[in-house]
Amino acid sequence: MLGECHAHIIMDGKNYKEAVALHKSGVKEEVIRAHFRIWGETGITFVRDGGDALGVSGRAKELAPEYGIDYRTPIFAIHKKGHYGGIVGHAFSDWKEYHSLVCRAKKEGADFIKIMISGIMEFGAFGVLTEEGLPENEIRQMIRIAHEEGMTVMAHGNGDRPVRAAVEAGLDTLEHGNYLKKETLDLLAGSGTIWIPTLAPTGNLLGCGRFPDEQVKRILRCQMDNIRYAFARGAGIGLGSDSGAYLVPHGQGLLDEYEWMKKAVGEEKETELKERLTESESRIKKSAVGK
């Protein structure tokens, strides 16, 4: 079974506010254990988390060996104050604070640093993000500082401009990466960056009634077309479902992600797809503990 390269153990696939609230007065270990059991039953033995602000993923890392799961975490994500990211981490307002957070994550046992460089999808409107993303020079600085501390970098990023800046700066893994242009996909294919495109959070919305299906279909098709293009050009692509996100349950979410990925690259290329996903997962495992 392929590993889950993008998960959120603090979330439950149903209502993230309620899921997060469970841990407000202290980490609820029984919730973590329930998610580990589900992953185990699904045959998932590698999980790469996105971190959180309440210490849930940190505790999960301690418990994971009991379930035979290789669990990696940034402990918490880092975002610029006033921008998207508070749901999964801590904010910085200047470079001294950012460097301090990188060092704190490292001290607390982070396997990599996670940064937030853009907003999230507006699923009701094709091509729209909640915010366009940080300036290119700030993205480059965030990656540079983390690399100088010997840490690899995972970046939550959507939109062509911030993603291009991150890839040019030597980003290790790109999470989501919606609305990329062909030139950026070419750049990605020629780089060492691994792309985790997380199709399930979009595809699994179809038919739920929360957003107009015609808009969701456009977003999904755009991402699938870009995956097919990048895959054909040899880009490093990994499998991660964003499990814990709305309608992306732990365990099943990864199975859904794989099905969406097959549709993106073509069912006839499944053997090559498995090989490429396995290769990317292997690279992630080797690099997650520092650059």
C-alpha atoms as a PDB file:
ATOM      1  CA  MET A   1       0.000   0.000   0.000  1.00  0.00           C
ATOM      2  CA  LEU A   2       1.315   3.436  -0.913  1.00  0.00           C
ATOM      3  CA  GLY A   3       1.814   5.929   1.895  1.00  0.00           C
ATOM      4  CA  GLU A   4      -0.266   8.991   2.770  1.00  0.00           C
ATOM      5  CA  CYS A   5       2.015  11.919   1.923  1.00  0.00           C
ATOM      6  CA  HIS A   6      -0.347  14.669   3.082  1.00  0.00           C
ATOM      7  CA  ALA A   7      -2.629  14.228   6.090  1.00  0.00           C
ATOM      8  CA  HIS A   8      -4.082  16.220   8.983  1.00  0.00           C
ATOM      9  CA  ILE A   9      -4.514  14.016  12.021  1.00  0.00           C
ATOM     10  CA  ILE A  10      -6.136  16.892  13.922  1.00  0.00           C
ATOM     11  CA  MET A  11      -9.054  16.906  11.437  1.00  0.00           C
ATOM     12  CA  ASP A  12     -11.777  14.321  10.830  1.00  0.00           C
ATOM     13  CA  GLY A  13     -13.052  14.792   7.270  1.00  0.00           C
ATOM     14  CA  LYS A  14     -16.356  16.148   8.548  1.00  0.00           C
ATOM     15  CA  ASN A  15     -16.109  19.412  10.465  1.00  0.00           C
ATOM     16  CA  TYR A  16     -12.639  20.791  11.117  1.00  0.00           C
ATOM     17  CA  LYS A  17     -13.805  23.319  13.720  1.00  0.00           C
ATOM     18  CA  GLU A  18     -15.396  20.609  15.829  1.00  0.00           C
ATOM     19  CA  ALA A  19     -12.404  18.308  15.309  1.00  0.00           C
ATOM     20  CA  VAL A  20      -9.931  20.979  16.405  1.00  0.00           C
ATOM     21  CA  ALA A  21     -12.125  21.956  19.365  1.00  0.00           C
ATOM     22  CA  LEU A  22     -11.737  18.459  20.811  1.00  0.00           C
ATOM     23  CA  HIS A  23      -8.097  19.285  21.592  1.00  0.00           C
ATOM     24  CA  LYS A  24      -8.506  22.849  22.853  1.00  0.00           C
ATOM     25  CA  SER A  25      -8.184  21.846  26.489  1.00  0.00           C
ATOM     26  CA  GLY A  26      -5.471  19.292  25.822  1.00  0.00           C
ATOM     27  CA  VAL A  27      -4.578  16.669  23.253  1.00  0.00           C
ATOM     28  CA  LYS A  28      -7.156  13.886  23.136  1.00  0.00           C
ATOM     29  CA  GLU A  29      -5.038  10.785  22.706  1.00  0.00           C
ATOM     30  CA  GLU A  30      -8.016   8.530  21.985  1.00  0.00           C
ATOM     31  CA  VAL A  31      -8.782  10.567  18.832  1.00  0.00           C
ATOM     32  CA  ILE A  32      -5.236  10.113  17.564  1.00  0.00           C
ATOM     33  CA  ARG A  33      -5.376   6.389  18.257  1.00  0.00           C
ATOM     34  CA  ALA A  34      -8.658   6.043  16.388  1.00  0.00           C
ATOM     35  CA  HIS A  35      -7.103   7.609  13.287  1.00  0.00           C
ATOM     36  CA  PHE A  36      -4.046   5.365  13.531  1.00  0.00           C
ATOM     37  CA  ARG A  37      -6.281   2.319  13.724  1.00  0.00           C
ATOM     38  CA  ILE A  38      -8.073   3.389  10.566  1.00  0.00           C
ATOM     39  CA  TRP A  39      -4.799   3.878   8.702  1.00  0.00           C
ATOM     40  CA  GLY A  40      -3.624   0.492   9.912  1.00  0.00           C
ATOM     41  CA  GLU A  41      -6.818  -1.212   8.764  1.00  0.00           C
ATOM     42  CA  THR A  42      -6.376   0.416   5.353  1.00  0.00           C
ATOM     43  CA  GLY A  43      -2.818  -0.891   5.111  1.00  0.00           C
ATOM     44  CA  ILE A  44      -1.169   2.524   5.326  1.00  0.00           C
ATOM     45  CA  THR A  45       2.206   2.406   7.095  1.00  0.00           C
ATOM     46  CA  PHE A  46       3.623   5.813   6.108  1.00  0.00           C
ATOM     47  CA  VAL A  47       1.887   9.091   6.997  1.00  0.00           C
ATOM     48  CA  ARG A  48       3.184  12.609   6.482  1.00  0.00           C
ATOM     49  CA  ASP A  49       1.211  15.177   8.440  1.00  0.00           C
ATOM     50  CA  GLY A  50       0.728  18.907   7.914  1.00  0.00           C
ATOM     51  CA  GLY A  51       1.071  19.889  11.566  1.00  0.00           C
ATOM     52  CA  ASP A  52      -1.144  21.881  13.907  1.00  0.00           C
ATOM     53  CA  ALA A  53      -1.021  24.556  16.592  1.00  0.00           C
ATOM     54  CA  LEU A  54      -2.194  22.380  19.496  1.00  0.00           C
ATOM     55  CA  GLY A  55       0.466  19.679  19.746  1.00  0.00           C
ATOM     56  CA  VAL A  56      -1.688  16.921  18.263  1.00  0.00           C
ATOM     57  CA  SER A  57       0.729  15.851  15.546  1.00  0.00           C
ATOM     58  CA  GLY A  58       3.612  16.032  18.021  1.00  0.00           C
ATOM     59  CA  ARG A  59       1.876  13.550  20.294  1.00  0.00           C
ATOM     60  CA  ALA A  60       0.910  11.439  17.281  1.00  0.00           C
ATOM     61  CA  LYS A  61       4.579  11.090  16.388  1.00  0.00           C
ATOM     62  CA  GLU A  62       5.209   9.604  19.832  1.00  0.00           C
ATOM     63  CA  LEU A  63       2.317   7.140  19.516  1.00  0.00           C
ATOM     64  CA  ALA A  64       2.871   6.071  15.905  1.00  0.00           C
ATOM     65  CA  PRO A  65       5.410   3.272  16.599  1.00  0.00           C
ATOM     66  CA  GLU A  66       2.741   1.408  18.582  1.00  0.00           C
ATOM     67  CA  TYR A  67       0.802   1.042  15.320  1.00  0.00           C
ATOM     68  CA  GLY A  68       3.739   0.249  13.069  1.00  0.00           C
ATOM     69  CA  ILE A  69       3.331   3.560  11.259  1.00  0.00           C
ATOM     70  CA  ASP A  70       6.219   5.707  10.064  1.00  0.00           C
ATOM     71  CA  TYR A  71       4.745   9.113  10.883  1.00  0.00           C
ATOM     72  CA  ARG A  72       6.399  12.381   9.874  1.00  0.00           C
ATOM     73  CA  THR A  73       5.367  15.854  10.980  1.00  0.00           C
ATOM     74  CA  PRO A  74       6.523  19.487  10.907  1.00  0.00           C
ATOM     75  CA  ILE A  75       4.954  19.731  14.419  1.00  0.00           C
ATOM     76  CA  PHE A  76       3.301  22.973  13.286  1.00  0.00           C
ATOM     77  CA  ALA A  77       3.121  25.023  10.094  1.00  0.00           C
ATOM     78  CA  ILE A  78       4.473  28.565   9.842  1.00  0.00           C
ATOM     79  CA  HIS A  79       2.547  31.425   8.253  1.00  0.00           C
ATOM     80  CA  LYS A  80       2.953  35.176   7.985  1.00  0.00           C
ATOM     81  CA  LYS A  81       0.817  37.114  10.450  1.00  0.00           C
ATOM     82  CA  GLY A  82      -2.453  38.224   8.889  1.00  0.00           C
ATOM     83  CA  HIS A  83      -2.353  35.533   6.227  1.00  0.00           C
ATOM     84  CA  TYR A  84      -3.807  32.036   5.873  1.00  0.00           C
ATOM     85  CA  GLY A  85      -2.404  29.331   8.132  1.00  0.00           C
ATOM     86  CA  GLY A  86      -3.635  29.807  11.684  1.00  0.00           C
ATOM     87  CA  ILE A  87      -5.609  26.580  11.457  1.00  0.00           C
ATOM     88  CA  VAL A  88      -2.408  24.527  11.336  1.00  0.00           C
ATOM     89  CA  GLY A  89       0.313  26.537  13.019  1.00  0.00           C
ATOM     90  CA  HIS A  90       1.928  29.712  14.282  1.00  0.00           C
ATOM     91  CA  ALA A  91       2.522  33.152  12.801  1.00  0.00           C
ATOM     92  CA  PHE A  92       5.562  35.360  12.362  1.00  0.00           C
ATOM     93  CA  SER A  93       5.704  39.104  11.785  1.00  0.00           C
ATOM     94  CA  ASP A  94       9.426  39.524  11.056  1.00  0.00           C
ATOM     95  CA  TRP A  95      12.393  37.375  10.066  1.00  0.00           C
ATOM     96  CA  LYS A  96      13.634  37.058  13.627  1.00  0.00           C
ATOM     97  CA  GLU A  97      10.296  35.503  14.619  1.00  0.00           C
ATOM     98  CA  TYR A  98      10.299  33.262  11.568  1.00  0.00           C
ATOM     99  CA  HIS A  99      13.787  31.961  12.315  1.00  0.00           C
ATOM    100  CA  SER A 100      12.766  31.401  15.926  1.00  0.00           C
ATOM    101  CA  LEU A 101       9.777  29.307  14.828  1.00  0.00           C
ATOM    102  CA  VAL A 102      11.953  27.231  12.499  1.00  0.00           C
ATOM    103  CA  CYS A 103      14.347  26.557  15.374  1.00  0.00           C
ATOM    104  CA  ARG A 104      11.463  25.803  17.728  1.00  0.00           C
ATOM    105  CA  ALA A 105       9.963  23.258  15.331  1.00  0.00           C
ATOM    106  CA  LYS A 106      13.376  21.672  14.880  1.00  0.00           C
ATOM    107  CA  LYS A 107      13.894  21.492  18.654  1.00  0.00           C
ATOM    108  CA  GLU A 108      10.454  19.930  19.167  1.00  0.00           C
ATOM    109  CA  GLY A 109      11.270  17.124  16.749  1.00  0.00           C
ATOM    110  CA  ALA A 110      10.022  18.363  13.379  1.00  0.00           C
ATOM    111  CA  ASP A 111      10.940  16.117  10.458  1.00  0.00           C
ATOM    112  CA  PHE A 112      10.669  19.069   8.067  1.00  0.00           C
ATOM    113  CA  ILE A 113       9.433  22.666   8.029  1.00  0.00           C
ATOM    114  CA  LYS A 114       6.012  23.495   6.635  1.00  0.00           C
ATOM    115  CA  ILE A 115       5.338  26.990   5.299  1.00  0.00           C
ATOM    116  CA  MET A 116       2.136  28.594   4.049  1.00  0.00           C
ATOM    117  CA  ILE A 117       2.652  30.724   0.943  1.00  0.00           C
ATOM    118  CA  SER A 118      -0.892  31.250  -0.372  1.00  0.00           C
ATOM    119  CA  GLY A 119      -4.547  30.975   0.462  1.00  0.00           C
ATOM    120  CA  ILE A 120      -6.908  28.078  -0.175  1.00  0.00           C
ATOM    121  CA  MET A 121      -9.386  27.289  -2.921  1.00  0.00           C
ATOM    122  CA  GLU A 122     -12.700  29.085  -3.361  1.00  0.00           C
ATOM    123  CA  PHE A 123     -14.546  25.998  -4.591  1.00  0.00           C
ATOM    124  CA  GLY A 124     -17.564  28.001  -5.636  1.00  0.00           C
ATOM    125  CA  ALA A 125     -15.615  30.026  -8.213  1.00  0.00           C
ATOM    126  CA  PHE A 126     -13.069  28.688 -10.686  1.00  0.00           C
ATOM    127  CA  GLY A 127      -9.654  30.390 -10.581  1.00  0.00           C
ATOM    128  CA  VAL A 128     -10.236  32.144  -7.274  1.00  0.00           C
ATOM    129  CA  LEU A 129      -8.166  31.778  -4.089  1.00  0.00           C
ATOM    130  CA  THR A 130      -8.861  33.232  -0.671  1.00  0.00           C
ATOM    131  CA  GLU A 131      -5.652  35.223  -1.110  1.00  0.00           C
ATOM    132  CA  GLU A 132      -3.113  35.364  -3.912  1.00  0.00           C
ATOM    133  CA  GLY A 133       0.004  34.539  -1.949  1.00  0.00           C
ATOM    134  CA  LEU A 134       3.093  36.057  -0.370  1.00  0.00           C
ATOM    135  CA  PRO A 135       5.619  38.178  -2.300  1.00  0.00           C
ATOM    136  CA  GLU A 136       8.275  36.178  -4.132  1.00  0.00           C
ATOM    137  CA  ASN A 137      11.161  37.584  -2.088  1.00  0.00           C
ATOM    138  CA  GLU A 138       9.489  36.504   1.173  1.00  0.00           C
ATOM    139  CA  ILE A 139       8.872  32.993  -0.133  1.00  0.00           C
ATOM    140  CA  ARG A 140      12.515  32.672  -1.146  1.00  0.00           C
ATOM    141  CA  GLN A 141      13.634  33.920   2.271  1.00  0.00           C
ATOM    142  CA  MET A 142      11.417  31.434   4.128  1.00  0.00           C
ATOM    143  CA  ILE A 143      12.843  28.526   2.176  1.00  0.00           C
ATOM    144  CA  ARG A 144      16.417  29.776   2.460  1.00  0.00           C
ATOM    145  CA  ILE A 145      16.292  30.116   6.254  1.00  0.00           C
ATOM    146  CA  ALA A 146      14.779  26.657   6.729  1.00  0.00           C
ATOM    147  CA  HIS A 147      17.345  25.068   4.425  1.00  0.00           C
ATOM    148  CA  GLU A 148      20.172  26.806   6.259  1.00  0.00           C
ATOM    149  CA  GLU A 149      18.888  25.189   9.447  1.00  0.00           C
ATOM    150  CA  GLY A 150      19.264  21.820   7.709  1.00  0.00           C
ATOM    151  CA  MET A 151      15.542  21.248   7.219  1.00  0.00           C
ATOM    152  CA  THR A 152      13.614  20.277   4.113  1.00  0.00           C
ATOM    153  CA  VAL A 153      10.562  22.375   3.288  1.00  0.00           C
ATOM    154  CA  MET A 154       6.932  21.488   2.579  1.00  0.00           C
ATOM    155  CA  ALA A 155       4.921  24.400   1.194  1.00  0.00           C
ATOM    156  CA  HIS A 156       1.164  24.797   1.070  1.00  0.00           C
ATOM    157  CA  GLY A 157       0.820  26.728  -2.168  1.00  0.00           C
ATOM    158  CA  ASN A 158      -1.772  27.531  -4.825  1.00  0.00           C
ATOM    159  CA  GLY A 159      -1.585  29.949  -7.709  1.00  0.00           C
ATOM    160  CA  ASP A 160       1.124  30.205 -10.316  1.00  0.00           C
ATOM    161  CA  ARG A 161       3.184  33.127  -9.020  1.00  0.00           C
ATOM    162  CA  PRO A 162       3.910  31.959  -5.445  1.00  0.00           C
ATOM    163  CA  VAL A 163       4.434  28.356  -6.540  1.00  0.00           C
ATOM    164  CA  ARG A 164       6.886  29.368  -9.245  1.00  0.00           C
ATOM    165  CA  ALA A 165       8.882  31.416  -6.740  1.00  0.00           C
ATOM    166  CA  ALA A 166       8.993  28.491  -4.323  1.00  0.00           C
ATOM    167  CA  VAL A 167      10.164  25.997  -6.947  1.00  0.00           C
ATOM    168  CA  GLU A 168      12.830  28.436  -8.132  1.00  0.00           C
ATOM    169  CA  ALA A 169      14.002  28.731  -4.517  1.00  0.00           C
ATOM    170  CA  GLY A 170      14.553  24.971  -4.243  1.00  0.00           C
ATOM    171  CA  LEU A 171      11.344  23.915  -2.523  1.00  0.00           C
ATOM    172  CA  ASP A 172      11.369  20.252  -1.510  1.00  0.00           C
ATOM    173  CA  THR A 173       7.649  19.427  -1.718  1.00  0.00           C
ATOM    174  CA  LEU A 174       4.725  21.404  -3.087  1.00  0.00           C
ATOM    175  CA  GLU A 175       1.316  20.669  -1.562  1.00  0.00           C
ATOM    176  CA  HIS A 176      -1.847  21.303  -3.621  1.00  0.00           C
ATOM    177  CA  GLY A 177      -0.462  23.504  -6.412  1.00  0.00           C
ATOM    178  CA  ASN A 178      -3.707  24.427  -8.138  1.00  0.00           C
ATOM    179  CA  TYR A 179      -3.864  26.797 -11.136  1.00  0.00           C
ATOM    180  CA  LEU A 180      -0.309  26.390 -12.399  1.00  0.00           C
ATOM    181  CA  LYS A 181       0.704  27.539 -15.875  1.00  0.00           C
ATOM    182  CA  LYS A 182       2.510  25.318 -18.354  1.00  0.00           C
ATOM    183  CA  GLU A 183       5.769  27.240 -17.880  1.00  0.00           C
ATOM    184  CA  THR A 184       5.693  26.560 -14.147  1.00  0.00           C
ATOM    185  CA  LEU A 185       4.849  22.905 -14.722  1.00  0.00           C
ATOM    186  CA  ASP A 186       7.890  22.688 -17.013  1.00  0.00           C
ATOM    187  CA  LEU A 187       9.996  24.299 -14.307  1.00  0.00           C
ATOM    188  CA  LEU A 188       8.599  21.852 -11.764  1.00  0.00           C
ATOM    189  CA  ALA A 189       9.393  18.889 -14.005  1.00  0.00           C
ATOM    190  CA  GLY A 190      12.994  20.010 -14.316  1.00  0.00           C
ATOM    191  CA  SER A 191      13.448  20.620 -10.609  1.00  0.00           C
ATOM    192  CA  GLY A 192      13.923  18.457  -7.552  1.00  0.00           C
ATOM    193  CA  THR A 193      10.561  19.515  -6.131  1.00  0.00           C
ATOM    194  CA  ILE A 194       8.005  16.769  -5.507  1.00  0.00           C
ATOM    195  CA  TRP A 195       4.408  17.777  -6.175  1.00  0.00           C
ATOM    196  CA  ILE A 196       1.569  16.452  -3.977  1.00  0.00           C
ATOM    197  CA  PRO A 197      -1.502  17.649  -5.945  1.00  0.00           C
ATOM    198  CA  THR A 198      -4.280  16.505  -3.514  1.00  0.00           C
ATOM    199  CA  LEU A 199      -7.164  15.821  -5.896  1.00  0.00           C
ATOM    200  CA  ALA A 200      -9.539  14.258  -3.360  1.00  0.00           C
ATOM    201  CA  PRO A 201     -10.511  17.506  -1.573  1.00  0.00           C
ATOM    202  CA  THR A 202     -11.870  18.742  -4.897  1.00  0.00           C
ATOM    203  CA  GLY A 203     -13.133  15.548  -6.509  1.00  0.00           C
ATOM    204  CA  ASN A 204     -14.923  14.332  -3.401  1.00  0.00           C
ATOM    205  CA  LEU A 205     -17.028  17.513  -3.357  1.00  0.00           C
ATOM    206  CA  LEU A 206     -18.887  16.487  -6.494  1.00  0.00           C
ATOM    207  CA  GLY A 207     -22.532  15.831  -5.722  1.00  0.00           C
ATOM    208  CA  CYS A 208     -22.376  16.927  -2.084  1.00  0.00           C
ATOM    209  CA  GLY A 209     -24.337  20.123  -2.736  1.00  0.00           C
ATOM    210  CA  ARG A 210     -21.986  22.404  -0.842  1.00  0.00           C
ATOM    211  CA  PHE A 211     -20.628  24.067  -3.976  1.00  0.00           C
ATOM    212  CA  PRO A 212     -21.869  24.288  -7.592  1.00  0.00           C
ATOM    213  CA  ASP A 213     -20.796  21.099  -9.346  1.00  0.00           C
ATOM    214  CA  GLU A 214     -19.980  22.954 -12.551  1.00  0.00           C
ATOM    215  CA  GLN A 215     -17.341  25.016 -10.731  1.00  0.00           C
ATOM    216  CA  VAL A 216     -15.938  22.015  -8.871  1.00  0.00           C
ATOM    217  CA  LYS A 217     -15.663  20.100 -12.148  1.00  0.00           C
ATOM    218  CA  ARG A 218     -13.725  22.962 -13.759  1.00  0.00           C
ATOM    219  CA  ILE A 219     -11.291  23.106 -10.847  1.00  0.00           C
ATOM    220  CA  LEU A 220     -10.838  19.339 -10.864  1.00  0.00           C
ATOM    221  CA  ARG A 221     -10.337  19.169 -14.621  1.00  0.00           C
ATOM    222  CA  CYS A 222      -7.741  21.942 -14.515  1.00  0.00           C
ATOM    223  CA  GLN A 223      -5.734  20.117 -11.845  1.00  0.00           C
ATOM    224  CA  MET A 224      -6.046  16.752 -13.584  1.00  0.00           C
ATOM    225  CA  ASP A 225      -4.919  18.245 -16.902  1.00  0.00           C
ATOM    226  CA  ASN A 226      -1.906  19.793 -15.186  1.00  0.00           C
ATOM    227  CA  ILE A 227      -1.014  16.495 -13.520  1.00  0.00           C
ATOM    228  CA  ARG A 228      -1.188  14.689 -16.848  1.00  0.00           C
ATOM    229  CA  TYR A 229       1.048  17.351 -18.427  1.00  0.00           C
ATOM    230  CA  ALA A 230       3.617  17.297 -15.604  1.00  0.00           C
ATOM    231  CA  PHE A 231       3.585  13.507 -15.391  1.00  0.00           C
ATOM    232  CA  ALA A 232       4.358  13.219 -19.102  1.00  0.00           C
ATOM    233  CA  ARG A 233       7.344  15.495 -18.591  1.00  0.00           C
ATOM    234  CA  GLY A 234       8.767  13.437 -15.756  1.00  0.00           C
ATOM    235  CA  ALA A 235       7.829  15.595 -12.784  1.00  0.00           C
ATOM    236  CA  GLY A 236       8.128  14.063  -9.347  1.00  0.00           C
ATOM    237  CA  ILE A 237       4.539  13.500  -8.190  1.00  0.00           C
ATOM    238  CA  GLY A 238       3.552  12.009  -4.846  1.00  0.00           C
ATOM    239  CA  LEU A 239       0.331  10.612  -3.416  1.00  0.00           C
ATOM    240  CA  GLY A 240      -1.319  12.587  -0.649  1.00  0.00           C
ATOM    241  CA  SER A 241      -5.035  13.062  -0.125  1.00  0.00           C
ATOM    242  CA  ASP A 242      -5.128  15.923   2.420  1.00  0.00           C
ATOM    243  CA  SER A 243      -6.935  13.410   4.627  1.00  0.00           C
ATOM    244  CA  GLY A 244      -8.939  15.045   7.365  1.00  0.00           C
ATOM    245  CA  ALA A 245     -10.145  17.743   4.960  1.00  0.00           C
ATOM    246  CA  TYR A 246     -13.882  17.922   4.269  1.00  0.00           C
ATOM    247  CA  LEU A 247     -15.132  14.642   2.738  1.00  0.00           C
ATOM    248  CA  VAL A 248     -11.611  13.197   2.751  1.00  0.00           C
ATOM    249  CA  PRO A 249     -11.673  10.646   5.609  1.00  0.00           C
ATOM    250  CA  HIS A 250      -8.485   9.108   6.896  1.00  0.00           C
ATOM    251  CA  GLY A 251      -7.738   5.843   5.127  1.00  0.00           C
ATOM    252  CA  GLN A 252     -10.428   6.021   2.474  1.00  0.00           C
ATOM    253  CA  GLY A 253      -9.158   9.423   1.405  1.00  0.00           C
ATOM    254  CA  LEU A 254      -5.927   7.913   0.120  1.00  0.00           C
ATOM    255  CA  LEU A 255      -7.806   5.257  -1.832  1.00  0.00           C
ATOM    256  CA  ASP A 256      -9.905   8.020  -3.383  1.00  0.00           C
ATOM    257  CA  GLU A 257      -6.794  10.039  -4.184  1.00  0.00           C
ATOM    258  CA  TYR A 258      -5.238   7.130  -6.035  1.00  0.00           C
ATOM    259  CA  GLU A 259      -8.361   6.677  -8.146  1.00  0.00           C
ATOM    260  CA  TRP A 260      -8.420  10.370  -9.051  1.00  0.00           C
ATOM    261  CA  MET A 261      -4.711  10.200  -9.884  1.00  0.00           C
ATOM    262  CA  LYS A 262      -5.259   7.245 -12.219  1.00  0.00           C
ATOM    263  CA  LYS A 263      -7.958   9.178 -14.037  1.00  0.00           C
ATOM    264  CA  ALA A 264      -5.620  12.139 -14.349  1.00  0.00           C
ATOM    265  CA  VAL A 265      -2.685  10.322 -15.957  1.00  0.00           C
ATOM    266  CA  GLY A 266      -4.731   7.647 -17.733  1.00  0.00           C
ATOM    267  CA  GLU A 267      -5.749   4.187 -16.552  1.00  0.00           C
ATOM    268  CA  GLU A 268      -3.400   2.628 -19.106  1.00  0.00           C
ATOM    269  CA  LYS A 269      -0.417   4.194 -17.303  1.00  0.00           C
ATOM    270  CA  GLU A 270      -1.186   2.709 -13.883  1.00  0.00           C
ATOM    271  CA  THR A 271       1.990   0.632 -13.713  1.00  0.00           C
ATOM    272  CA  GLU A 272       4.159   3.661 -14.444  1.00  0.00           C
ATOM    273  CA  LEU A 273       2.087   5.736 -12.044  1.00  0.00           C
ATOM    274  CA  LYS A 274       2.697   3.309  -9.174  1.00  0.00           C
ATOM    275  CA  GLU A 275       6.407   3.295  -9.907  1.00  0.00           C
ATOM    276  CA  ARG A 276       6.598   7.082  -9.964  1.00  0.00           C
ATOM    277  CA  LEU A 277       4.529   7.490  -6.803  1.00  0.00           C
ATOM    278  CA  THR A 278       6.655   4.910  -5.010  1.00  0.00           C
ATOM    279  CA  GLU A 279       9.826   6.685  -6.120  1.00  0.00           C
ATOM    280  CA  SER A 280       8.542  10.035  -4.840  1.00  0.00           C
ATOM    281  CA  GLU A 281       7.513   8.501  -1.523  1.00  0.00           C
ATOM    282  CA  SER A 282      10.962   6.982  -1.156  1.00  0.00           C
ATOM    283  CA  ARG A 283      12.567  10.363  -1.799  1.00  0.00           C
ATOM    284  CA  ILE A 284      10.298  11.999   0.772  1.00  0.00           C
ATOM    285  CA  LYS A 285      11.169   9.389   3.381  1.00  0.00           C
ATOM    286  CA  LYS A 286      14.885   9.902   2.827  1.00  0.00           C
ATOM    287  CA  SER A 287      14.736  13.687   2.887  1.00  0.00           C
ATOM    288  CA  ALA A 288      12.177  14.425   5.594  1.00  0.00           C
ATOM    289  CA  VAL A 289      14.669  14.440   8.447  1.00  0.00           C
ATOM    290  CA  GLY A 290      16.755  17.278   7.099  1.00  0.00           C
ATOM    291  CA  LYS A 291      18.434  18.554   3.991  1.00  0.00           C
END
